[in-house]
């Protein structure tokens, strides 16, 4: 059984989030949270929050033991894009795209 948690519209671009989630994919939850705690990126805090939410869902909804959980799947998809414009010379404009992402985590119990 897989437990799932989703965080929508995190104000960080998916490209930056994928750099962090590649480090924890397939690891045990305890080990992944330890790795994220020592990363200097603010993205690590958002990813850790989603992983903790997935662990809580597994514990409360499916009665899984948190010590035996492993990250089965984790990915970051594109969210909304805020479109802003910056004035340039000679009456022109250039776009500023403020991207956001959705982080999805699946955790499952590992067999011993």
PDB file of N, CA and C in Angstrom:
ATOM      1  N   UNK A   1       0.839  -1.185   0.000  1.00  0.00           N
ATOM      2  CA  UNK A   1       0.000   0.000   0.000  1.00  0.00           C
ATOM      3  C   UNK A   1       0.879   1.242   0.000  1.00  0.00           C
ATOM      4  N   UNK A   2       0.509   2.205  -0.819  1.00  0.00           N
ATOM      5  CA  UNK A   2       1.260   3.452  -0.896  1.00  0.00           C
ATOM      6  C   UNK A   2       0.470   4.570  -0.237  1.00  0.00           C
ATOM      7  N   UNK A   3       1.167   5.377   0.541  1.00  0.00           N
ATOM      8  CA  UNK A   3       0.574   6.589   1.099  1.00  0.00           C
ATOM      9  C   UNK A   3       1.117   7.769   0.308  1.00  0.00           C
ATOM     10  N   UNK A   4       0.277   8.793   0.171  1.00  0.00           N
ATOM     11  CA  UNK A   4       0.592   9.879  -0.743  1.00  0.00           C
ATOM     12  C   UNK A   4       0.423  11.225  -0.051  1.00  0.00           C
ATOM     13  N   UNK A   5       1.247  12.191  -0.453  1.00  0.00           N
ATOM     14  CA  UNK A   5       1.091  13.574  -0.008  1.00  0.00           C
ATOM     15  C   UNK A   5       1.475  14.491  -1.164  1.00  0.00           C
ATOM     16  N   UNK A   6       0.718  15.572  -1.304  1.00  0.00           N
ATOM     17  CA  UNK A   6       0.953  16.529  -2.390  1.00  0.00           C
ATOM     18  C   UNK A   6       1.026  17.931  -1.802  1.00  0.00           C
ATOM     19  N   UNK A   7       1.996  18.710  -2.270  1.00  0.00           N
ATOM     20  CA  UNK A   7       2.072  20.134  -1.929  1.00  0.00           C
ATOM     21  C   UNK A   7       1.946  20.906  -3.235  1.00  0.00           C
ATOM     22  N   UNK A   8       0.884  21.689  -3.358  1.00  0.00           N
ATOM     23  CA  UNK A   8       0.629  22.429  -4.591  1.00  0.00           C
ATOM     24  C   UNK A   8       1.121  23.865  -4.490  1.00  0.00           C
ATOM     25  N   UNK A   9       1.556  24.385  -5.623  1.00  0.00           N
ATOM     26  CA  UNK A   9       1.953  25.785  -5.784  1.00  0.00           C
ATOM     27  C   UNK A   9       3.014  26.238  -4.788  1.00  0.00           C
ATOM     28  N   UNK A  10       4.076  25.458  -4.674  1.00  0.00           N
ATOM     29  CA  UNK A  10       5.247  25.875  -3.918  1.00  0.00           C
ATOM     30  C   UNK A  10       5.963  26.919  -4.770  1.00  0.00           C
ATOM     31  N   UNK A  11       6.351  28.025  -4.197  1.00  0.00           N
ATOM     32  CA  UNK A  11       6.897  29.139  -4.961  1.00  0.00           C
ATOM     33  C   UNK A  11       8.336  28.974  -5.402  1.00  0.00           C
ATOM     34  N   UNK A  12       8.714  27.775  -5.788  1.00  0.00           N
ATOM     35  CA  UNK A  12      10.065  27.469  -6.256  1.00  0.00           C
ATOM     36  C   UNK A  12       9.921  26.767  -7.598  1.00  0.00           C
ATOM     37  N   UNK A  13      10.771  27.059  -8.546  1.00  0.00           N
ATOM     38  CA  UNK A  13      10.635  26.461  -9.870  1.00  0.00           C
ATOM     39  C   UNK A  13      10.892  24.953  -9.819  1.00  0.00           C
ATOM     40  N   UNK A  14      10.211  24.184 -10.676  1.00  0.00           N
ATOM     41  CA  UNK A  14      10.375  22.723 -10.662  1.00  0.00           C
ATOM     42  C   UNK A  14      11.808  22.272 -10.935  1.00  0.00           C
ATOM     43  N   UNK A  15      12.538  23.048 -11.709  1.00  0.00           N
ATOM     44  CA  UNK A  15      13.922  22.696 -12.014  1.00  0.00           C
ATOM     45  C   UNK A  15      14.771  22.686 -10.746  1.00  0.00           C
ATOM     46  N   UNK A  16      14.556  23.663  -9.867  1.00  0.00           N
ATOM     47  CA  UNK A  16      15.312  23.724  -8.618  1.00  0.00           C
ATOM     48  C   UNK A  16      14.869  22.641  -7.643  1.00  0.00           C
ATOM     49  N   UNK A  17      13.576  22.311  -7.648  1.00  0.00           N
ATOM     50  CA  UNK A  17      13.068  21.283  -6.745  1.00  0.00           C
ATOM     51  C   UNK A  17      13.602  19.912  -7.152  1.00  0.00           C
ATOM     52  N   UNK A  18      13.692  19.657  -8.450  1.00  0.00           N
ATOM     53  CA  UNK A  18      14.171  18.351  -8.926  1.00  0.00           C
ATOM     54  C   UNK A  18      15.613  18.070  -8.518  1.00  0.00           C
ATOM     55  N   UNK A  19      16.422  19.119  -8.378  1.00  0.00           N
ATOM     56  CA  UNK A  19      17.800  18.924  -7.929  1.00  0.00           C
ATOM     57  C   UNK A  19      17.827  18.326  -6.514  1.00  0.00           C
ATOM     58  N   UNK A  20      16.888  18.751  -5.672  1.00  0.00           N
ATOM     59  CA  UNK A  20      16.850  18.276  -4.287  1.00  0.00           C
ATOM     60  C   UNK A  20      16.203  16.898  -4.201  1.00  0.00           C
ATOM     61  N   UNK A  21      15.098  16.684  -4.920  1.00  0.00           N
ATOM     62  CA  UNK A  21      14.395  15.407  -4.769  1.00  0.00           C
ATOM     63  C   UNK A  21      15.163  14.246  -5.389  1.00  0.00           C
ATOM     64  N   UNK A  22      16.068  14.531  -6.316  1.00  0.00           N
ATOM     65  CA  UNK A  22      16.905  13.456  -6.856  1.00  0.00           C
ATOM     66  C   UNK A  22      17.840  12.888  -5.792  1.00  0.00           C
ATOM     67  N   UNK A  23      18.155  13.682  -4.768  1.00  0.00           N
ATOM     68  CA  UNK A  23      19.053  13.222  -3.710  1.00  0.00           C
ATOM     69  C   UNK A  23      18.377  12.239  -2.758  1.00  0.00           C
ATOM     70  N   UNK A  24      17.038  12.303  -2.644  1.00  0.00           N
ATOM     71  CA  UNK A  24      16.350  11.485  -1.645  1.00  0.00           C
ATOM     72  C   UNK A  24      15.488  10.388  -2.252  1.00  0.00           C
ATOM     73  N   UNK A  25      15.406  10.320  -3.545  1.00  0.00           N
ATOM     74  CA  UNK A  25      14.559   9.313  -4.194  1.00  0.00           C
ATOM     75  C   UNK A  25      15.041   7.900  -3.869  1.00  0.00           C
ATOM     76  N   UNK A  26      14.130   7.042  -3.379  1.00  0.00           N
ATOM     77  CA  UNK A  26      14.432   5.649  -3.097  1.00  0.00           C
ATOM     78  C   UNK A  26      15.040   5.389  -1.733  1.00  0.00           C
ATOM     79  N   UNK A  27      15.291   6.415  -0.936  1.00  0.00           N
ATOM     80  CA  UNK A  27      15.913   6.223   0.377  1.00  0.00           C
ATOM     81  C   UNK A  27      14.861   5.979   1.447  1.00  0.00           C
ATOM     82  N   UNK A  28      15.324   5.488   2.600  1.00  0.00           N
ATOM     83  CA  UNK A  28      14.438   5.373   3.748  1.00  0.00           C
ATOM     84  C   UNK A  28      14.079   6.776   4.225  1.00  0.00           C
ATOM     85  N   UNK A  29      12.910   6.896   4.846  1.00  0.00           N
ATOM     86  CA  UNK A  29      12.408   8.207   5.232  1.00  0.00           C
ATOM     87  C   UNK A  29      13.328   8.882   6.245  1.00  0.00           C
ATOM     88  N   UNK A  30      13.812   8.138   7.240  1.00  0.00           N
ATOM     89  CA  UNK A  30      14.700   8.721   8.244  1.00  0.00           C
ATOM     90  C   UNK A  30      15.979   9.259   7.606  1.00  0.00           C
ATOM     91  N   UNK A  31      16.533   8.484   6.697  1.00  0.00           N
ATOM     92  CA  UNK A  31      17.767   8.883   6.018  1.00  0.00           C
ATOM     93  C   UNK A  31      17.527  10.103   5.120  1.00  0.00           C
ATOM     94  N   UNK A  32      16.390  10.130   4.438  1.00  0.00           N
ATOM     95  CA  UNK A  32      16.071  11.249   3.552  1.00  0.00           C
ATOM     96  C   UNK A  32      15.892  12.546   4.337  1.00  0.00           C
ATOM     97  N   UNK A  33      15.219  12.473   5.477  1.00  0.00           N
ATOM     98  CA  UNK A  33      15.021  13.672   6.287  1.00  0.00           C
ATOM     99  C   UNK A  33      16.335  14.187   6.872  1.00  0.00           C
ATOM    100  N   UNK A  34      17.241  13.272   7.182  1.00  0.00           N
ATOM    101  CA  UNK A  34      18.560  13.673   7.672  1.00  0.00           C
ATOM    102  C   UNK A  34      19.351  14.391   6.581  1.00  0.00           C
ATOM    103  N   UNK A  35      19.286  13.874   5.361  1.00  0.00           N
ATOM    104  CA  UNK A  35      19.974  14.520   4.237  1.00  0.00           C
ATOM    105  C   UNK A  35      19.400  15.913   3.996  1.00  0.00           C
ATOM    106  N   UNK A  36      18.081  16.039   4.041  1.00  0.00           N
ATOM    107  CA  UNK A  36      17.437  17.323   3.765  1.00  0.00           C
ATOM    108  C   UNK A  36      17.719  18.358   4.855  1.00  0.00           C
ATOM    109  N   UNK A  37      17.883  17.882   6.093  1.00  0.00           N
ATOM    110  CA  UNK A  37      18.126  18.819   7.199  1.00  0.00           C
ATOM    111  C   UNK A  37      19.442  19.563   7.025  1.00  0.00           C
ATOM    112  N   UNK A  38      20.432  18.935   6.405  1.00  0.00           N
ATOM    113  CA  UNK A  38      21.749  19.551   6.282  1.00  0.00           C
ATOM    114  C   UNK A  38      22.004  20.199   4.918  1.00  0.00           C
ATOM    115  N   UNK A  39      20.993  20.268   4.066  1.00  0.00           N
ATOM    116  CA  UNK A  39      21.139  20.976   2.796  1.00  0.00           C
ATOM    117  C   UNK A  39      20.907  22.469   3.023  1.00  0.00           C
ATOM    118  N   UNK A  40      21.721  23.322   2.430  1.00  0.00           N
ATOM    119  CA  UNK A  40      21.577  24.760   2.655  1.00  0.00           C
ATOM    120  C   UNK A  40      20.480  25.410   1.808  1.00  0.00           C
ATOM    121  N   UNK A  41      19.726  24.634   1.046  1.00  0.00           N
ATOM    122  CA  UNK A  41      18.720  25.194   0.149  1.00  0.00           C
ATOM    123  C   UNK A  41      17.364  25.340   0.838  1.00  0.00           C
ATOM    124  N   UNK A  42      16.631  26.422   0.579  1.00  0.00           N
ATOM    125  CA  UNK A  42      15.280  26.538   1.134  1.00  0.00           C
ATOM    126  C   UNK A  42      14.315  25.528   0.528  1.00  0.00           C
ATOM    127  N   UNK A  43      14.672  24.966  -0.612  1.00  0.00           N
ATOM    128  CA  UNK A  43      13.857  23.927  -1.230  1.00  0.00           C
ATOM    129  C   UNK A  43      13.800  22.686  -0.356  1.00  0.00           C
ATOM    130  N   UNK A  44      14.883  22.398   0.353  1.00  0.00           N
ATOM    131  CA  UNK A  44      14.944  21.205   1.195  1.00  0.00           C
ATOM    132  C   UNK A  44      13.891  21.248   2.294  1.00  0.00           C
ATOM    133  N   UNK A  45      13.597  22.428   2.804  1.00  0.00           N
ATOM    134  CA  UNK A  45      12.586  22.570   3.853  1.00  0.00           C
ATOM    135  C   UNK A  45      11.195  22.217   3.315  1.00  0.00           C
ATOM    136  N   UNK A  46      10.889  22.655   2.102  1.00  0.00           N
ATOM    137  CA  UNK A  46       9.590  22.360   1.489  1.00  0.00           C
ATOM    138  C   UNK A  46       9.443  20.874   1.186  1.00  0.00           C
ATOM    139  N   UNK A  47      10.515  20.249   0.687  1.00  0.00           N
ATOM    140  CA  UNK A  47      10.475  18.823   0.375  1.00  0.00           C
ATOM    141  C   UNK A  47      10.339  18.002   1.655  1.00  0.00           C
ATOM    142  N   UNK A  48      11.048  18.396   2.704  1.00  0.00           N
ATOM    143  CA  UNK A  48      10.960  17.680   3.982  1.00  0.00           C
ATOM    144  C   UNK A  48       9.551  17.758   4.560  1.00  0.00           C
ATOM    145  N   UNK A  49       8.904  18.886   4.395  1.00  0.00           N
ATOM    146  CA  UNK A  49       7.542  19.059   4.901  1.00  0.00           C
ATOM    147  C   UNK A  49       6.569  18.110   4.205  1.00  0.00           C
ATOM    148  N   UNK A  50       6.735  17.924   2.892  1.00  0.00           N
ATOM    149  CA  UNK A  50       5.864  17.017   2.145  1.00  0.00           C
ATOM    150  C   UNK A  50       6.135  15.565   2.534  1.00  0.00           C
ATOM    151  N   UNK A  51       7.403  15.220   2.747  1.00  0.00           N
ATOM    152  CA  UNK A  51       7.744  13.853   3.154  1.00  0.00           C
ATOM    153  C   UNK A  51       7.155  13.549   4.529  1.00  0.00           C
ATOM    154  N   UNK A  52       7.248  14.506   5.456  1.00  0.00           N
ATOM    155  CA  UNK A  52       6.663  14.307   6.783  1.00  0.00           C
ATOM    156  C   UNK A  52       5.153  14.147   6.703  1.00  0.00           C
ATOM    157  N   UNK A  53       4.523  14.855   5.799  1.00  0.00           N
ATOM    158  CA  UNK A  53       3.080  14.729   5.608  1.00  0.00           C
ATOM    159  C   UNK A  53       2.712  13.356   5.071  1.00  0.00           C
ATOM    160  N   UNK A  54       3.509  12.829   4.140  1.00  0.00           N
ATOM    161  CA  UNK A  54       3.253  11.492   3.599  1.00  0.00           C
ATOM    162  C   UNK A  54       3.429  10.426   4.678  1.00  0.00           C
ATOM    163  N   UNK A  55       4.421  10.613   5.556  1.00  0.00           N
ATOM    164  CA  UNK A  55       4.637   9.670   6.668  1.00  0.00           C
ATOM    165  C   UNK A  55       3.448   9.710   7.624  1.00  0.00           C
ATOM    166  N   UNK A  56       2.942  10.905   7.913  1.00  0.00           N
ATOM    167  CA  UNK A  56       1.788  11.027   8.798  1.00  0.00           C
ATOM    168  C   UNK A  56       0.547  10.381   8.175  1.00  0.00           C
ATOM    169  N   UNK A  57       0.381  10.541   6.860  1.00  0.00           N
ATOM    170  CA  UNK A  57      -0.743   9.891   6.183  1.00  0.00           C
ATOM    171  C   UNK A  57      -0.629   8.378   6.245  1.00  0.00           C
ATOM    172  N   UNK A  58       0.575   7.853   6.063  1.00  0.00           N
ATOM    173  CA  UNK A  58       0.783   6.410   6.124  1.00  0.00           C
ATOM    174  C   UNK A  58       0.498   5.865   7.518  1.00  0.00           C
ATOM    175  N   UNK A  59       0.914   6.621   8.526  1.00  0.00           N
ATOM    176  CA  UNK A  59       0.739   6.173   9.910  1.00  0.00           C
ATOM    177  C   UNK A  59      -0.731   6.228  10.333  1.00  0.00           C
ATOM    178  N   UNK A  60      -1.436   7.308   9.987  1.00  0.00           N
ATOM    179  CA  UNK A  60      -2.807   7.484  10.440  1.00  0.00           C
ATOM    180  C   UNK A  60      -3.832   6.743   9.591  1.00  0.00           C
ATOM    181  N   UNK A  61      -3.633   6.697   8.282  1.00  0.00           N
ATOM    182  CA  UNK A  61      -4.642   6.114   7.403  1.00  0.00           C
ATOM    183  C   UNK A  61      -4.437   4.634   7.137  1.00  0.00           C
ATOM    184  N   UNK A  62      -3.181   4.167   7.134  1.00  0.00           N
ATOM    185  CA  UNK A  62      -2.898   2.789   6.762  1.00  0.00           C
ATOM    186  C   UNK A  62      -2.199   2.000   7.864  1.00  0.00           C
ATOM    187  N   UNK A  63      -2.000   2.586   9.038  1.00  0.00           N
ATOM    188  CA  UNK A  63      -1.367   1.951  10.194  1.00  0.00           C
ATOM    189  C   UNK A  63      -0.003   1.342   9.839  1.00  0.00           C
ATOM    190  N   UNK A  64       0.779   2.058   9.068  1.00  0.00           N
ATOM    191  CA  UNK A  64       2.137   1.622   8.737  1.00  0.00           C
ATOM    192  C   UNK A  64       3.097   2.139   9.798  1.00  0.00           C
ATOM    193  N   UNK A  65       4.174   1.394  10.016  1.00  0.00           N
ATOM    194  CA  UNK A  65       5.193   1.812  10.972  1.00  0.00           C
ATOM    195  C   UNK A  65       6.113   2.849  10.331  1.00  0.00           C
ATOM    196  N   UNK A  66       6.275   4.020  10.957  1.00  0.00           N
ATOM    197  CA  UNK A  66       7.128   5.057  10.344  1.00  0.00           C
ATOM    198  C   UNK A  66       8.587   4.646  10.202  1.00  0.00           C
ATOM    199  N   UNK A  67       9.058   3.734  11.028  1.00  0.00           N
ATOM    200  CA  UNK A  67      10.463   3.319  10.968  1.00  0.00           C
ATOM    201  C   UNK A  67      10.757   2.466   9.741  1.00  0.00           C
ATOM    202  N   UNK A  68       9.723   1.864   9.130  1.00  0.00           N
ATOM    203  CA  UNK A  68       9.951   0.970   7.998  1.00  0.00           C
ATOM    204  C   UNK A  68       9.554   1.590   6.665  1.00  0.00           C
ATOM    205  N   UNK A  69       9.311   2.873   6.643  1.00  0.00           N
ATOM    206  CA  UNK A  69       8.856   3.509   5.410  1.00  0.00           C
ATOM    207  C   UNK A  69      10.020   3.892   4.506  1.00  0.00           C
ATOM    208  N   UNK A  70       9.779   3.770   3.215  1.00  0.00           N
ATOM    209  CA  UNK A  70      10.747   4.124   2.179  1.00  0.00           C
ATOM    210  C   UNK A  70      10.041   5.009   1.154  1.00  0.00           C
ATOM    211  N   UNK A  71      10.782   5.954   0.583  1.00  0.00           N
ATOM    212  CA  UNK A  71      10.209   6.823  -0.450  1.00  0.00           C
ATOM    213  C   UNK A  71      10.132   6.018  -1.740  1.00  0.00           C
ATOM    214  N   UNK A  72       8.903   5.648  -2.118  1.00  0.00           N
ATOM    215  CA  UNK A  72       8.704   4.839  -3.313  1.00  0.00           C
ATOM    216  C   UNK A  72       8.822   5.698  -4.573  1.00  0.00           C
ATOM    217  N   UNK A  73       8.216   6.874  -4.535  1.00  0.00           N
ATOM    218  CA  UNK A  73       8.231   7.738  -5.707  1.00  0.00           C
ATOM    219  C   UNK A  73       8.114   9.185  -5.240  1.00  0.00           C
ATOM    220  N   UNK A  74       8.851  10.058  -5.878  1.00  0.00           N
ATOM    221  CA  UNK A  74       8.795  11.487  -5.560  1.00  0.00           C
ATOM    222  C   UNK A  74       9.077  12.246  -6.848  1.00  0.00           C
ATOM    223  N   UNK A  75       8.234  13.230  -7.127  1.00  0.00           N
ATOM    224  CA  UNK A  75       8.457  14.018  -8.335  1.00  0.00           C
ATOM    225  C   UNK A  75       7.886  15.416  -8.168  1.00  0.00           C
ATOM    226  N   UNK A  76       8.373  16.331  -9.001  1.00  0.00           N
ATOM    227  CA  UNK A  76       7.938  17.723  -8.996  1.00  0.00           C
ATOM    228  C   UNK A  76       7.398  18.063 -10.378  1.00  0.00           C
ATOM    229  N   UNK A  77       6.161  18.550 -10.396  1.00  0.00           N
ATOM    230  CA  UNK A  77       5.527  18.955 -11.636  1.00  0.00           C
ATOM    231  C   UNK A  77       5.374  20.468 -11.674  1.00  0.00           C
ATOM    232  N   UNK A  78       5.041  20.958 -12.849  1.00  0.00           N
ATOM    233  CA  UNK A  78       4.875  22.389 -13.048  1.00  0.00           C
ATOM    234  C   UNK A  78       3.569  22.860 -12.412  1.00  0.00           C
ATOM    235  N   UNK A  79       3.627  23.991 -11.726  1.00  0.00           N
ATOM    236  CA  UNK A  79       2.434  24.612 -11.165  1.00  0.00           C
ATOM    237  C   UNK A  79       2.064  25.840 -11.971  1.00  0.00           C
ATOM    238  N   UNK A  80       1.403  26.787 -11.325  1.00  0.00           N
ATOM    239  CA  UNK A  80       1.031  28.028 -11.996  1.00  0.00           C
ATOM    240  C   UNK A  80       2.262  28.882 -12.263  1.00  0.00           C
ATOM    241  N   UNK A  81       2.171  29.713 -13.288  1.00  0.00           N
ATOM    242  CA  UNK A  81       3.241  30.648 -13.604  1.00  0.00           C
ATOM    243  C   UNK A  81       2.689  32.065 -13.529  1.00  0.00           C
ATOM    244  N   UNK A  82       3.273  32.876 -12.642  1.00  0.00           N
ATOM    245  CA  UNK A  82       2.904  34.287 -12.579  1.00  0.00           C
ATOM    246  C   UNK A  82       3.662  35.026 -13.680  1.00  0.00           C
ATOM    247  N   UNK A  83       2.945  35.813 -14.445  1.00  0.00           N
ATOM    248  CA  UNK A  83       3.572  36.525 -15.547  1.00  0.00           C
ATOM    249  C   UNK A  83       3.658  38.006 -15.205  1.00  0.00           C
ATOM    250  N   UNK A  84       4.872  38.507 -15.146  1.00  0.00           N
ATOM    251  CA  UNK A  84       5.129  39.918 -14.877  1.00  0.00           C
ATOM    252  C   UNK A  84       5.979  40.470 -16.016  1.00  0.00           C
ATOM    253  N   UNK A  85       6.005  41.796 -16.133  1.00  0.00           N
ATOM    254  CA  UNK A  85       6.755  42.405 -17.222  1.00  0.00           C
ATOM    255  C   UNK A  85       7.646  43.510 -16.693  1.00  0.00           C
ATOM    256  N   UNK A  86       8.794  43.642 -17.327  1.00  0.00           N
ATOM    257  CA  UNK A  86       9.774  44.648 -16.934  1.00  0.00           C
ATOM    258  C   UNK A  86       9.989  45.587 -18.120  1.00  0.00           C
ATOM    259  N   UNK A  87       9.928  46.883 -17.892  1.00  0.00           N
ATOM    260  CA  UNK A  87      10.150  47.802 -19.014  1.00  0.00           C
ATOM    261  C   UNK A  87      11.608  47.783 -19.474  1.00  0.00           C
ATOM    262  N   UNK A  88      11.770  47.891 -20.767  1.00  0.00           N
ATOM    263  CA  UNK A  88      13.094  47.933 -21.373  1.00  0.00           C
ATOM    264  C   UNK A  88      13.221  49.233 -22.165  1.00  0.00           C
ATOM    265  N   UNK A  89      14.341  49.392 -22.784  1.00  0.00           N
ATOM    266  CA  UNK A  89      14.577  50.630 -23.534  1.00  0.00           C
ATOM    267  C   UNK A  89      13.715  50.674 -24.797  1.00  0.00           C
ATOM    268  N   UNK A  90      13.506  51.874 -25.297  1.00  0.00           N
ATOM    269  CA  UNK A  90      12.789  52.142 -26.545  1.00  0.00           C
ATOM    270  C   UNK A  90      11.347  51.624 -26.500  1.00  0.00           C
ATOM    271  N   UNK A  91      10.719  51.675 -25.304  1.00  0.00           N
ATOM    272  CA  UNK A  91       9.307  51.341 -25.194  1.00  0.00           C
ATOM    273  C   UNK A  91       8.973  49.868 -25.246  1.00  0.00           C
ATOM    274  N   UNK A  92       9.968  49.026 -25.099  1.00  0.00           N
ATOM    275  CA  UNK A  92       9.727  47.593 -25.159  1.00  0.00           C
ATOM    276  C   UNK A  92       9.570  47.029 -23.750  1.00  0.00           C
ATOM    277  N   UNK A  93       9.152  45.760 -23.673  1.00  0.00           N
ATOM    278  CA  UNK A  93       9.050  45.069 -22.389  1.00  0.00           C
ATOM    279  C   UNK A  93       9.700  43.695 -22.529  1.00  0.00           C
ATOM    280  N   UNK A  94      10.109  43.156 -21.382  1.00  0.00           N
ATOM    281  CA  UNK A  94      10.592  41.779 -21.370  1.00  0.00           C
ATOM    282  C   UNK A  94       9.860  41.038 -20.252  1.00  0.00           C
ATOM    283  N   UNK A  95       9.478  39.788 -20.511  1.00  0.00           N
ATOM    284  CA  UNK A  95       8.683  39.060 -19.525  1.00  0.00           C
ATOM    285  C   UNK A  95       9.519  38.525 -18.368  1.00  0.00           C
ATOM    286  N   UNK A  96       8.900  38.460 -17.200  1.00  0.00           N
ATOM    287  CA  UNK A  96       9.461  37.788 -16.031  1.00  0.00           C
ATOM    288  C   UNK A  96       8.479  36.683 -15.680  1.00  0.00           C
ATOM    289  N   UNK A  97       8.928  35.423 -15.720  1.00  0.00           N
ATOM    290  CA  UNK A  97       8.068  34.280 -15.427  1.00  0.00           C
ATOM    291  C   UNK A  97       8.419  33.743 -14.046  1.00  0.00           C
ATOM    292  N   UNK A  98       7.501  33.892 -13.098  1.00  0.00           N
ATOM    293  CA  UNK A  98       7.711  33.395 -11.735  1.00  0.00           C
ATOM    294  C   UNK A  98       7.030  32.039 -11.634  1.00  0.00           C
ATOM    295  N   UNK A  99       7.834  30.980 -11.716  1.00  0.00           N
ATOM    296  CA  UNK A  99       7.298  29.626 -11.790  1.00  0.00           C
ATOM    297  C   UNK A  99       7.058  29.045 -10.399  1.00  0.00           C
ATOM    298  N   UNK A 100       6.103  28.132 -10.325  1.00  0.00           N
ATOM    299  CA  UNK A 100       5.837  27.402  -9.092  1.00  0.00           C
ATOM    300  C   UNK A 100       5.764  25.919  -9.422  1.00  0.00           C
ATOM    301  N   UNK A 101       5.752  25.087  -8.389  1.00  0.00           N
ATOM    302  CA  UNK A 101       5.775  23.645  -8.621  1.00  0.00           C
ATOM    303  C   UNK A 101       4.841  22.929  -7.658  1.00  0.00           C
ATOM    304  N   UNK A 102       4.508  21.693  -8.015  1.00  0.00           N
ATOM    305  CA  UNK A 102       3.729  20.809  -7.171  1.00  0.00           C
ATOM    306  C   UNK A 102       4.601  19.596  -6.860  1.00  0.00           C
ATOM    307  N   UNK A 103       4.769  19.291  -5.580  1.00  0.00           N
ATOM    308  CA  UNK A 103       5.611  18.177  -5.165  1.00  0.00           C
ATOM    309  C   UNK A 103       4.704  17.034  -4.722  1.00  0.00           C
ATOM    310  N   UNK A 104       4.930  15.833  -5.264  1.00  0.00           N
ATOM    311  CA  UNK A 104       4.153  14.648  -4.913  1.00  0.00           C
ATOM    312  C   UNK A 104       5.091  13.584  -4.369  1.00  0.00           C
ATOM    313  N   UNK A 105       4.707  12.983  -3.228  1.00  0.00           N
ATOM    314  CA  UNK A 105       5.523  11.958  -2.585  1.00  0.00           C
ATOM    315  C   UNK A 105       4.662  10.730  -2.319  1.00  0.00           C
ATOM    316  N   UNK A 106       5.167   9.549  -2.665  1.00  0.00           N
ATOM    317  CA  UNK A 106       4.554   8.277  -2.319  1.00  0.00           C
ATOM    318  C   UNK A 106       5.522   7.534  -1.401  1.00  0.00           C
ATOM    319  N   UNK A 107       5.032   7.053  -0.260  1.00  0.00           N
ATOM    320  CA  UNK A 107       5.852   6.233   0.630  1.00  0.00           C
ATOM    321  C   UNK A 107       5.200   4.871   0.765  1.00  0.00           C
ATOM    322  N   UNK A 108       6.035   3.850   0.959  1.00  0.00           N
ATOM    323  CA  UNK A 108       5.552   2.494   1.124  1.00  0.00           C
ATOM    324  C   UNK A 108       6.407   1.775   2.158  1.00  0.00           C
ATOM    325  N   UNK A 109       5.847   0.727   2.742  1.00  0.00           N
ATOM    326  CA  UNK A 109       6.599  -0.068   3.716  1.00  0.00           C
ATOM    327  C   UNK A 109       7.562  -0.977   2.968  1.00  0.00           C
ATOM    328  N   UNK A 110       8.779  -1.056   3.451  1.00  0.00           N
ATOM    329  CA  UNK A 110       9.757  -1.960   2.838  1.00  0.00           C
ATOM    330  C   UNK A 110       9.679  -3.313   3.506  1.00  0.00           C
ATOM    331  N   UNK A 111       9.798  -4.353   2.700  1.00  0.00           N
ATOM    332  CA  UNK A 111       9.767  -5.709   3.243  1.00  0.00           C
ATOM    333  C   UNK A 111      11.142  -6.119   3.732  1.00  0.00           C
ATOM    334  N   UNK A 112      11.168  -6.825   4.826  1.00  0.00           N
ATOM    335  CA  UNK A 112      12.456  -7.235   5.407  1.00  0.00           C
ATOM    336  C   UNK A 112      12.766  -8.674   5.065  1.00  0.00           C
TER     337      UNK A 112
END
